[in-house]
Amino acid sequence: MADEGDLPVVTFGNLMSEGITLSRRGQHDKALGCFNDALKLRAGDKHCLITRSRCFLKLGDTENSLKDAEASLQIDKTFSEGLYQKAETLYAMGDFEFALVFYHRGRRLRPDLHKFQLGINKAEEAIINCIGNPSSVKLESKQELCFVSRQAESKKDKQKQQNKPTKDQKQMKKKSPKTEQQLLGALYADKAFLEKLLKDKDLMNSSTRQGIKVMDLVLDGISYLNHRRDFWQQQKPMYARAYERKALRQGRAQDKKQKPSDMIRSIAKNMEDIELSLARGSAEESCRRAERMLKWVQGCSEDEVPNKNELIGNLHSCIGNAQLAMGQMEAALRSHKMDLDCSRQNALTDSVSRALDNIGHVYARLGKFQQAINTWEEKIPLAQSSLEKAWLFHEIGRCYLELDKAEVAQDYGQKSLQSADEEGDVEWQLHATVLVAQAQVKLKDYPSAILTFERALEKARLVPSEAAQNAIIA
């Protein structure tokens, strides 16, 4: 017999790696078993919960996918992967408005992750398909946003209605048969058949061999088809133009009373269009829009435009970002410096922090690493979270590495890692660990570098990132 010491040791990391590998191969059921076992070893691990949530989503189990995403956010409300996974699950459920809110929350927290902007784009397009304009969705509330998905509400309604089939039948008649036939396609015949079965009282009162009421099974089938119908109607609605005409008539009726709020909505919509143009790769269009809006705002009084000075600074920032995307480095630097001057004159701390961040990025792109370091070091006291400090220390460390100051680069890498550990962000733990290892290589401390790269490889498997794993192994 083999000694106990010869038996393979099952660890949390091994189970996570195995689960991720199985999931990539499409063996989601087996992967789910690995994630379940991993959570038994480390209950409440937010990264494992999110990985399992992705697995549930691939299996089509949106309910459990949403539960795991929400559980990760209960552990850490600022967990970006949790926000993204919740948004993705809500989108898959057809809750486009709620998904849009969480995509926006994630982008505000992690503007460096483009997947949040892509999520915003697809959610907005789905909403536009449904109602014509997403401007009615509030995204700027400073209070905690807490929502219950419409699916959860519909389940409660369904439970209440299961004992009242006559009401269900009445509700079904409200939908046009032609509309349902177009939306359901071949499934319309199945729905019509199930509705006919409801009229057979004797059959509805009977039960299966397992003791399940036939009426419950029929209602479940009709409910599922109704959900599919509603989802497809959201994706390709038939009455969007009628809705727009109605909204236009209501807008004309309210007329003068709504002018102040109309101004605010118009500004918010224009700013959103500027950001979306840049996110979609249309930097020139984004720049033109921002310059046109800046000229208009500068010609308005402070009474006409709320927070005029803050808006002017924000527009300089948008112009600078667009110029940077077009490769106009010197012009981008001037725009971001104008944002900084405007923000300092009006004592706007958050805007000062944003401007310093952008100026540092332009200097780094120009290869002026010492100027970038000086700018970012000025920003350090303004950093509001451990996550912000993690990437700020990392960027400063990278600049010191470029200047062949490996010892200082290593120190900043350690600071970045400490901040990433405080935040519990595996992705930034990975970046910081790689920076420390690269600095150790430059210092010719090869044994330490090998150990640090091995730790980085473990982080890369947890993220997971194949590109990072291959780079580290190489």
Protein backbone atom coordinates (compact mmCIF):
# COMPACT_ATOMS: atom_id res chain seq x y z
CA MET A 1 0.00 0.00 0.00
CA ALA A 2 1.14 3.53 -0.71
CA ASP A 3 1.89 5.82 2.18
CA GLU A 4 -0.51 8.65 2.86
CA GLY A 5 2.27 11.04 1.97
CA ASP A 6 2.31 9.59 -1.58
CA LEU A 7 -1.35 10.49 -2.19
CA PRO A 8 -1.92 13.59 -4.33
CA VAL A 9 -2.79 16.65 -2.26
CA VAL A 10 -6.00 18.33 -3.40
CA THR A 11 -5.66 22.08 -2.96
CA PHE A 12 -7.91 25.03 -3.75
CA GLY A 13 -5.54 26.17 -6.51
CA ASN A 14 -5.46 22.70 -8.12
CA LEU A 15 -9.25 22.47 -8.17
CA MET A 16 -9.55 25.96 -9.67
CA SER A 17 -6.98 25.19 -12.40
CA GLU A 18 -8.65 21.87 -13.23
CA GLY A 19 -12.10 23.49 -13.33
CA ILE A 20 -10.92 26.28 -15.63
CA THR A 21 -9.26 23.75 -17.97
CA LEU A 22 -12.42 21.62 -18.13
CA SER A 23 -14.56 24.68 -18.77
CA ARG A 24 -12.34 25.73 -21.70
CA ARG A 25 -12.82 22.25 -23.18
CA GLY A 26 -16.58 22.71 -22.94
CA GLN A 27 -16.96 20.17 -20.10
CA HIS A 28 -18.93 22.59 -17.95
CA ASP A 29 -20.68 19.94 -15.82
CA LYS A 30 -17.35 18.47 -14.72
CA ALA A 31 -15.90 21.94 -14.21
CA LEU A 32 -18.84 22.77 -11.95
CA GLY A 33 -17.89 19.84 -9.70
CA CYS A 34 -14.36 21.23 -9.33
CA PHE A 35 -15.62 24.70 -8.40
CA ASN A 36 -18.06 23.21 -5.88
CA ASP A 37 -15.21 21.28 -4.24
CA ALA A 38 -12.97 24.37 -4.28
CA LEU A 39 -15.63 26.38 -2.44
CA LYS A 40 -15.80 23.65 0.20
CA LEU A 41 -12.09 24.27 0.87
CA ARG A 42 -12.38 28.06 0.74
CA ALA A 43 -15.99 29.04 1.34
CA GLY A 44 -17.02 32.45 0.01
CA ASP A 45 -13.97 32.95 -2.23
CA LYS A 46 -15.20 35.68 -4.58
CA HIS A 47 -12.97 34.66 -7.51
CA CYS A 48 -14.18 31.06 -7.34
CA LEU A 49 -17.81 32.24 -7.09
CA ILE A 50 -17.39 34.30 -10.26
CA THR A 51 -15.72 31.44 -12.12
CA ARG A 52 -18.58 29.14 -11.10
CA SER A 53 -21.08 31.84 -12.13
CA ARG A 54 -19.56 31.87 -15.64
CA CYS A 55 -19.87 28.10 -15.73
CA PHE A 56 -23.55 28.26 -14.72
CA LEU A 57 -24.15 30.87 -17.44
CA LYS A 58 -22.60 28.66 -20.11
CA LEU A 59 -24.89 25.84 -18.95
CA GLY A 60 -27.89 28.18 -19.30
CA ASP A 61 -28.57 28.28 -15.56
CA THR A 62 -28.99 32.04 -15.27
CA GLU A 63 -30.63 31.86 -11.83
CA ASN A 64 -27.61 30.23 -10.15
CA SER A 65 -25.24 32.37 -12.22
CA LEU A 66 -26.91 35.50 -10.81
CA LYS A 67 -26.82 34.09 -7.26
CA ASP A 68 -23.05 33.52 -7.42
CA ALA A 69 -22.41 36.98 -8.93
CA GLU A 70 -24.48 38.63 -6.20
CA ALA A 71 -22.75 36.52 -3.51
CA SER A 72 -19.35 37.80 -4.67
CA LEU A 73 -20.63 41.39 -4.45
CA GLN A 74 -21.93 40.81 -0.92
CA ILE A 75 -18.34 39.94 0.02
CA ASP A 76 -16.89 42.95 -1.87
CA LYS A 77 -19.24 45.62 -3.29
CA THR A 78 -16.43 47.06 -5.45
CA PHE A 79 -15.42 43.72 -7.01
CA SER A 80 -15.23 44.58 -10.72
CA GLU A 81 -15.48 40.97 -11.95
CA GLY A 82 -18.60 40.52 -9.81
CA LEU A 83 -20.20 43.62 -11.33
CA TYR A 84 -19.33 42.47 -14.86
CA GLN A 85 -20.63 38.94 -14.32
CA LYS A 86 -23.87 40.24 -12.79
CA ALA A 87 -24.33 42.56 -15.78
CA GLU A 88 -23.64 39.73 -18.24
CA THR A 89 -26.12 37.43 -16.50
CA LEU A 90 -28.82 40.11 -16.37
CA TYR A 91 -28.25 40.76 -20.08
CA ALA A 92 -28.64 37.05 -20.84
CA MET A 93 -31.90 37.08 -18.84
CA GLY A 94 -33.20 39.96 -20.97
CA ASP A 95 -32.96 42.55 -18.16
CA PHE A 96 -31.15 45.05 -20.39
CA GLU A 97 -31.85 48.14 -18.25
CA PHE A 98 -30.51 46.52 -15.07
CA ALA A 99 -27.52 45.12 -16.98
CA LEU A 100 -26.77 48.64 -18.28
CA VAL A 101 -26.66 50.00 -14.72
CA PHE A 102 -24.07 47.43 -13.61
CA TYR A 103 -21.97 47.86 -16.77
CA HIS A 104 -21.85 51.60 -15.96
CA ARG A 105 -20.95 50.94 -12.30
CA GLY A 106 -18.12 48.68 -13.42
CA ARG A 107 -16.80 51.23 -15.92
CA ARG A 108 -16.74 53.96 -13.26
CA LEU A 109 -14.76 51.62 -11.01
CA ARG A 110 -12.46 50.21 -13.70
CA PRO A 111 -12.33 52.58 -16.72
CA ASP A 112 -9.24 50.68 -17.92
CA LEU A 113 -11.30 47.54 -18.69
CA HIS A 114 -12.84 47.92 -22.17
CA LYS A 115 -15.27 45.05 -21.64
CA PHE A 116 -17.48 47.33 -19.52
CA GLN A 117 -17.78 49.82 -22.40
CA LEU A 118 -18.57 47.00 -24.82
CA GLY A 119 -21.25 45.83 -22.37
CA ILE A 120 -22.72 49.35 -22.23
CA ASN A 121 -22.83 49.45 -26.03
CA LYS A 122 -24.68 46.16 -26.45
CA ALA A 123 -27.11 46.86 -23.58
CA GLU A 124 -27.94 50.29 -25.01
CA GLU A 125 -28.50 48.82 -28.45
CA ALA A 126 -30.88 46.24 -26.98
CA ILE A 127 -32.77 48.99 -25.11
CA ILE A 128 -32.92 51.18 -28.22
CA ASN A 129 -34.37 48.20 -30.11
CA CYS A 130 -36.96 47.91 -27.37
CA ILE A 131 -38.02 51.47 -26.51
CA GLY A 132 -36.12 53.81 -28.82
CA ASN A 133 -34.06 55.78 -26.25
CA PRO A 134 -32.17 54.75 -23.06
CA SER A 135 -32.06 58.29 -21.63
CA SER A 136 -34.79 57.47 -19.12
CA VAL A 137 -32.43 55.09 -17.28
CA LYS A 138 -30.81 56.86 -14.30
CA LEU A 139 -27.13 56.04 -13.98
CA GLU A 140 -25.72 58.87 -11.91
CA SER A 141 -27.32 58.21 -8.53
CA LYS A 142 -24.70 58.50 -5.77
CA GLN A 143 -26.68 56.25 -3.45
CA GLU A 144 -26.30 52.49 -3.50
CA LEU A 145 -28.25 51.04 -6.44
CA CYS A 146 -30.12 47.88 -5.50
CA PHE A 147 -32.31 46.06 -7.98
CA VAL A 148 -34.33 42.86 -8.15
CA SER A 149 -34.37 41.26 -11.58
CA ARG A 150 -37.64 41.12 -13.40
CA GLN A 151 -37.23 37.35 -13.60
CA ALA A 152 -37.41 37.11 -9.79
CA GLU A 153 -40.54 39.25 -9.77
CA SER A 154 -42.14 37.18 -12.54
CA LYS A 155 -41.49 34.02 -10.51
CA LYS A 156 -43.39 35.48 -7.56
CA ASP A 157 -46.24 36.43 -9.88
CA LYS A 158 -46.21 32.95 -11.35
CA GLN A 159 -46.48 31.34 -7.92
CA LYS A 160 -49.46 33.54 -7.09
CA GLN A 161 -51.17 32.75 -10.39
CA GLN A 162 -50.66 28.99 -10.45
CA ASN A 163 -53.95 28.45 -8.65
CA LYS A 164 -55.77 30.92 -10.95
CA PRO A 165 -55.62 29.57 -14.53
CA THR A 166 -58.60 31.64 -15.61
CA LYS A 167 -56.64 34.87 -15.02
CA ASP A 168 -53.73 33.46 -17.02
CA GLN A 169 -56.05 32.75 -19.90
CA LYS A 170 -57.40 36.31 -19.78
CA GLN A 171 -53.87 37.74 -19.84
CA MET A 172 -52.94 35.56 -22.83
CA LYS A 173 -55.83 36.95 -24.88
CA LYS A 174 -54.47 40.47 -24.52
CA LYS A 175 -51.57 39.61 -26.87
CA SER A 176 -52.34 39.67 -30.58
CA PRO A 177 -52.20 36.12 -32.04
CA LYS A 178 -50.45 37.49 -35.15
CA THR A 179 -47.82 39.16 -32.99
CA GLU A 180 -47.23 36.00 -30.98
CA GLN A 181 -47.03 33.89 -34.13
CA GLN A 182 -44.37 36.18 -35.59
CA LEU A 183 -42.34 36.20 -32.36
CA LEU A 184 -42.60 32.49 -31.45
CA GLY A 185 -42.41 31.06 -34.97
CA ALA A 186 -42.66 27.25 -34.87
CA LEU A 187 -43.21 27.35 -31.09
CA TYR A 188 -46.55 29.16 -31.54
CA ALA A 189 -48.28 25.85 -32.35
CA ASP A 190 -46.97 24.40 -29.05
CA LYS A 191 -48.31 27.36 -27.10
CA ALA A 192 -51.72 27.09 -28.78
CA PHE A 193 -51.83 23.37 -27.94
CA LEU A 194 -51.00 24.03 -24.24
CA GLU A 195 -53.68 26.73 -24.04
CA LYS A 196 -56.26 24.28 -25.40
CA LEU A 197 -55.25 21.77 -22.73
CA LEU A 198 -56.12 24.30 -20.02
CA LYS A 199 -59.76 24.10 -21.08
CA ASP A 200 -59.87 20.38 -20.25
CA LYS A 201 -60.82 20.56 -16.55
CA ASP A 202 -60.58 16.80 -15.93
CA LEU A 203 -57.06 16.67 -17.36
CA MET A 204 -56.01 19.77 -15.38
CA ASN A 205 -57.19 18.21 -12.11
CA SER A 206 -55.23 14.98 -12.72
CA SER A 207 -51.63 14.26 -11.66
CA THR A 208 -48.65 12.35 -13.07
CA ARG A 209 -47.28 9.16 -11.50
CA GLN A 210 -44.74 11.33 -9.66
CA GLY A 211 -47.58 13.31 -8.05
CA ILE A 212 -47.06 16.49 -10.12
CA LYS A 213 -50.26 18.30 -11.18
CA VAL A 214 -50.77 18.37 -14.94
CA MET A 215 -52.03 21.97 -14.65
CA ASP A 216 -48.71 23.04 -13.09
CA LEU A 217 -46.76 21.45 -15.93
CA VAL A 218 -48.93 23.13 -18.57
CA LEU A 219 -48.66 26.53 -16.87
CA ASP A 220 -44.87 26.12 -16.61
CA GLY A 221 -44.70 25.46 -20.35
CA ILE A 222 -46.87 28.47 -21.20
CA SER A 223 -44.86 30.67 -18.81
CA TYR A 224 -41.59 29.60 -20.48
CA LEU A 225 -42.97 30.40 -23.95
CA ASN A 226 -44.22 33.78 -22.70
CA HIS A 227 -40.73 34.59 -21.40
CA ARG A 228 -39.26 33.66 -24.80
CA ARG A 229 -41.86 35.80 -26.57
CA ASP A 230 -41.11 38.81 -24.34
CA PHE A 231 -37.36 38.37 -24.76
CA TRP A 232 -37.58 38.21 -28.57
CA GLN A 233 -39.91 41.19 -28.57
CA GLN A 234 -37.26 43.16 -26.66
CA GLN A 235 -34.61 42.15 -29.17
CA LYS A 236 -36.78 43.03 -32.18
CA PRO A 237 -39.88 44.97 -31.10
CA MET A 238 -42.72 45.71 -33.48
CA TYR A 239 -44.07 48.86 -31.90
CA ALA A 240 -40.94 50.94 -31.27
CA ARG A 241 -42.06 53.63 -33.74
CA ALA A 242 -45.47 53.89 -32.09
CA TYR A 243 -43.76 54.29 -28.72
CA GLU A 244 -41.52 57.05 -30.09
CA ARG A 245 -44.53 58.94 -31.50
CA LYS A 246 -46.31 58.66 -28.14
CA ALA A 247 -43.21 59.88 -26.26
CA LEU A 248 -42.88 62.80 -28.67
CA ARG A 249 -46.51 63.83 -28.10
CA GLN A 250 -46.01 63.65 -24.31
CA GLY A 251 -42.85 65.77 -24.61
CA ARG A 252 -44.70 68.45 -26.55
CA ALA A 253 -47.53 68.48 -24.00
CA GLN A 254 -45.13 69.17 -21.09
CA ASP A 255 -43.19 71.73 -23.19
CA LYS A 256 -41.86 74.69 -21.16
CA LYS A 257 -42.06 73.11 -17.69
CA GLN A 258 -39.40 70.54 -18.60
CA LYS A 259 -36.77 72.90 -20.07
CA PRO A 260 -34.27 72.77 -17.16
CA SER A 261 -34.38 68.98 -16.94
CA ASP A 262 -34.29 68.75 -20.76
CA MET A 263 -31.04 70.76 -20.68
CA ILE A 264 -29.48 68.36 -18.15
CA ARG A 265 -30.60 65.30 -20.13
CA SER A 266 -29.29 66.82 -23.35
CA ILE A 267 -25.86 67.49 -21.83
CA ALA A 268 -25.69 63.98 -20.35
CA LYS A 269 -26.68 62.44 -23.69
CA ASN A 270 -24.07 64.48 -25.59
CA MET A 271 -21.34 63.48 -23.11
CA GLU A 272 -22.37 59.85 -23.44
CA ASP A 273 -22.23 60.10 -27.26
CA ILE A 274 -18.71 61.58 -27.03
CA GLU A 275 -17.53 58.69 -24.84
CA LEU A 276 -19.27 56.06 -26.99
CA SER A 277 -17.71 57.42 -30.19
CA LEU A 278 -14.24 57.04 -28.65
CA ALA A 279 -15.03 53.58 -27.26
CA ARG A 280 -16.18 52.43 -30.71
CA GLY A 281 -12.92 53.60 -32.30
CA SER A 282 -14.21 56.86 -33.83
CA ALA A 283 -11.68 59.19 -32.16
CA GLU A 284 -12.08 61.93 -34.79
CA GLU A 285 -15.86 62.00 -34.38
CA SER A 286 -15.48 62.02 -30.58
CA CYS A 287 -13.05 64.95 -30.78
CA ARG A 288 -15.33 66.93 -33.13
CA ARG A 289 -18.35 66.39 -30.88
CA ALA A 290 -16.40 67.44 -27.77
CA GLU A 291 -14.94 70.56 -29.41
CA ARG A 292 -18.38 71.60 -30.70
CA MET A 293 -19.94 71.09 -27.28
CA LEU A 294 -17.08 72.93 -25.53
CA LYS A 295 -17.62 75.97 -27.74
CA TRP A 296 -21.35 75.92 -26.94
CA VAL A 297 -20.83 75.52 -23.17
CA GLN A 298 -18.30 78.36 -23.04
CA GLY A 299 -20.93 80.65 -24.60
CA CYS A 300 -23.54 79.78 -21.94
CA SER A 301 -23.97 81.38 -18.53
CA GLU A 302 -23.57 79.43 -15.29
CA ASP A 303 -27.33 79.70 -14.73
CA GLU A 304 -28.00 78.03 -18.08
CA VAL A 305 -25.53 75.16 -17.63
CA PRO A 306 -25.28 73.47 -14.19
CA ASN A 307 -21.67 72.87 -13.02
CA LYS A 308 -20.34 74.73 -16.07
CA ASN A 309 -16.67 74.80 -14.95
CA GLU A 310 -16.65 71.10 -14.13
CA LEU A 311 -18.19 70.34 -17.54
CA ILE A 312 -15.55 72.46 -19.33
CA GLY A 313 -12.77 70.52 -17.61
CA ASN A 314 -14.44 67.23 -18.50
CA LEU A 315 -14.69 68.24 -22.16
CA HIS A 316 -10.98 69.18 -22.26
CA SER A 317 -10.32 65.70 -20.87
CA CYS A 318 -12.49 64.06 -23.57
CA ILE A 319 -10.71 66.03 -26.29
CA GLY A 320 -7.33 65.00 -24.86
CA ASN A 321 -8.31 61.32 -24.80
CA ALA A 322 -9.47 61.50 -28.42
CA GLN A 323 -6.25 63.27 -29.49
CA LEU A 324 -4.21 60.60 -27.70
CA ALA A 325 -6.11 57.88 -29.58
CA MET A 326 -5.31 59.69 -32.86
CA GLY A 327 -1.61 59.87 -31.95
CA GLN A 328 -1.60 63.66 -31.46
CA MET A 329 0.54 63.53 -28.32
CA GLU A 330 1.45 67.21 -27.89
CA ALA A 331 -2.14 68.32 -28.54
CA ALA A 332 -3.38 65.72 -26.01
CA LEU A 333 -0.90 67.01 -23.43
CA ARG A 334 -2.16 70.59 -23.90
CA SER A 335 -5.81 69.51 -23.55
CA HIS A 336 -5.17 67.55 -20.35
CA LYS A 337 -3.16 70.47 -18.90
CA MET A 338 -6.14 72.76 -19.61
CA ASP A 339 -8.31 70.26 -17.73
CA LEU A 340 -5.83 70.39 -14.83
CA ASP A 341 -5.77 74.21 -14.75
CA CYS A 342 -9.57 74.42 -14.86
CA SER A 343 -9.94 71.79 -12.12
CA ARG A 344 -7.41 73.49 -9.83
CA GLN A 345 -8.99 76.92 -10.29
CA ASN A 346 -12.36 75.52 -9.22
CA ALA A 347 -11.00 73.25 -6.44
CA LEU A 348 -12.36 70.07 -8.08
CA THR A 349 -10.29 67.35 -6.40
CA ASP A 350 -11.60 64.39 -8.42
CA SER A 351 -11.04 66.26 -11.67
CA VAL A 352 -7.48 67.20 -10.62
CA SER A 353 -6.80 63.52 -9.96
CA ARG A 354 -8.19 62.58 -13.39
CA ALA A 355 -6.10 65.23 -15.18
CA LEU A 356 -2.88 64.15 -13.43
CA ASP A 357 -3.59 60.56 -14.39
CA ASN A 358 -4.06 61.47 -18.06
CA ILE A 359 -1.02 63.76 -18.19
CA GLY A 360 1.10 60.95 -16.75
CA HIS A 361 -0.13 58.57 -19.46
CA VAL A 362 0.77 61.02 -22.24
CA TYR A 363 4.25 61.58 -20.82
CA ALA A 364 4.77 57.80 -20.60
CA ARG A 365 3.64 57.38 -24.22
CA LEU A 366 6.12 60.10 -25.24
CA GLY A 367 8.90 58.24 -23.44
CA LYS A 368 9.29 61.07 -20.89
CA PHE A 369 9.29 58.68 -17.96
CA GLN A 370 10.64 61.04 -15.29
CA GLN A 371 7.89 63.61 -16.07
CA ALA A 372 5.33 60.80 -15.91
CA ILE A 373 6.70 59.72 -12.51
CA ASN A 374 6.60 63.28 -11.17
CA THR A 375 2.99 63.70 -12.33
CA TRP A 376 1.76 60.37 -10.94
CA GLU A 377 3.57 60.86 -7.61
CA GLU A 378 1.63 64.12 -7.27
CA LYS A 379 -1.55 62.08 -7.72
CA ILE A 380 -0.79 59.51 -4.97
CA PRO A 381 -2.38 61.51 -2.08
CA LEU A 382 -5.56 61.89 -4.18
CA ALA A 383 -6.00 58.13 -4.76
CA GLN A 384 -9.29 57.09 -3.15
CA SER A 385 -9.02 53.29 -3.05
CA SER A 386 -6.50 50.49 -2.74
CA LEU A 387 -7.29 49.48 -6.32
CA GLU A 388 -6.42 52.94 -7.62
CA LYS A 389 -3.16 52.87 -5.66
CA ALA A 390 -2.38 49.39 -7.05
CA TRP A 391 -2.36 50.50 -10.69
CA LEU A 392 -0.79 53.91 -9.85
CA PHE A 393 2.17 52.30 -8.03
CA HIS A 394 2.45 49.78 -10.86
CA GLU A 395 2.67 52.50 -13.54
CA ILE A 396 5.28 54.44 -11.55
CA GLY A 397 7.27 51.23 -11.07
CA ARG A 398 7.15 50.51 -14.82
CA CYS A 399 8.58 53.97 -15.52
CA TYR A 400 11.43 53.43 -13.04
CA LEU A 401 12.12 50.09 -14.74
CA GLU A 402 12.36 51.90 -18.11
CA LEU A 403 14.86 54.32 -16.51
CA ASP A 404 16.98 51.31 -15.33
CA LYS A 405 16.26 52.10 -11.69
CA ALA A 406 15.37 48.49 -10.89
CA GLU A 407 15.61 48.78 -7.10
CA VAL A 408 13.05 51.62 -6.94
CA ALA A 409 10.90 49.76 -9.50
CA GLN A 410 10.93 46.72 -7.20
CA ASP A 411 9.83 48.85 -4.24
CA TYR A 412 6.91 50.28 -6.19
CA GLY A 413 6.03 46.79 -7.43
CA GLN A 414 5.82 45.63 -3.79
CA LYS A 415 3.63 48.65 -2.94
CA SER A 416 1.36 47.84 -5.88
CA LEU A 417 1.13 44.20 -4.75
CA GLN A 418 0.28 45.23 -1.19
CA SER A 419 -2.55 47.49 -2.44
CA ALA A 420 -3.83 44.76 -4.78
CA ASP A 421 -3.82 42.30 -1.86
CA GLU A 422 -5.84 44.77 0.24
CA GLU A 423 -8.37 45.01 -2.60
CA GLY A 424 -8.29 41.27 -3.29
CA ASP A 425 -7.90 41.93 -7.03
CA VAL A 426 -6.13 38.96 -8.64
CA GLU A 427 -5.55 40.75 -11.96
CA TRP A 428 -3.55 43.57 -10.35
CA GLN A 429 -1.80 41.08 -8.07
CA LEU A 430 -0.62 39.44 -11.30
CA HIS A 431 0.60 42.72 -12.86
CA ALA A 432 2.42 43.76 -9.66
CA THR A 433 4.05 40.33 -9.21
CA VAL A 434 5.36 40.36 -12.79
CA LEU A 435 6.79 43.86 -12.25
CA VAL A 436 8.62 42.72 -9.10
CA ALA A 437 10.01 39.67 -10.96
CA GLN A 438 11.23 41.81 -13.89
CA ALA A 439 12.95 44.19 -11.49
CA GLN A 440 14.63 41.21 -9.77
CA VAL A 441 15.91 40.00 -13.16
CA LYS A 442 17.47 43.43 -13.81
CA LEU A 443 19.03 43.28 -10.36
CA LYS A 444 20.38 39.80 -11.32
CA ASP A 445 18.63 38.25 -8.33
CA TYR A 446 17.65 35.23 -10.43
CA PRO A 447 16.59 32.77 -7.65
CA SER A 448 14.12 35.36 -6.28
CA ALA A 449 12.95 36.21 -9.81
CA ILE A 450 12.15 32.53 -10.55
CA LEU A 451 10.09 32.20 -7.35
CA THR A 452 8.27 35.46 -8.08
CA PHE A 453 7.50 34.39 -11.66
CA GLU A 454 6.10 31.10 -10.30
CA ARG A 455 3.77 33.08 -8.03
CA ALA A 456 2.78 35.21 -11.03
CA LEU A 457 1.98 32.04 -12.99
CA GLU A 458 -0.42 30.94 -10.23
CA LYS A 459 -2.15 34.34 -10.45
CA ALA A 460 -2.35 34.08 -14.26
CA ARG A 461 -4.16 30.73 -13.92
CA LEU A 462 -6.67 32.28 -11.54
CA VAL A 463 -7.45 35.33 -13.74
CA PRO A 464 -7.37 33.26 -16.13
CA SER A 465 -5.08 34.56 -18.90
CA GLU A 466 -3.43 32.22 -21.40
CA ALA A 467 -1.37 35.07 -22.88
CA ALA A 468 0.01 35.97 -19.44
CA GLN A 469 0.78 32.31 -18.66
CA ASN A 470 2.67 31.85 -21.94
CA ALA A 471 4.63 35.10 -21.42
CA ILE A 472 5.60 34.13 -17.86
CA ILE A 473 6.64 30.59 -18.86
CA ALA A 474 8.73 32.04 -21.74
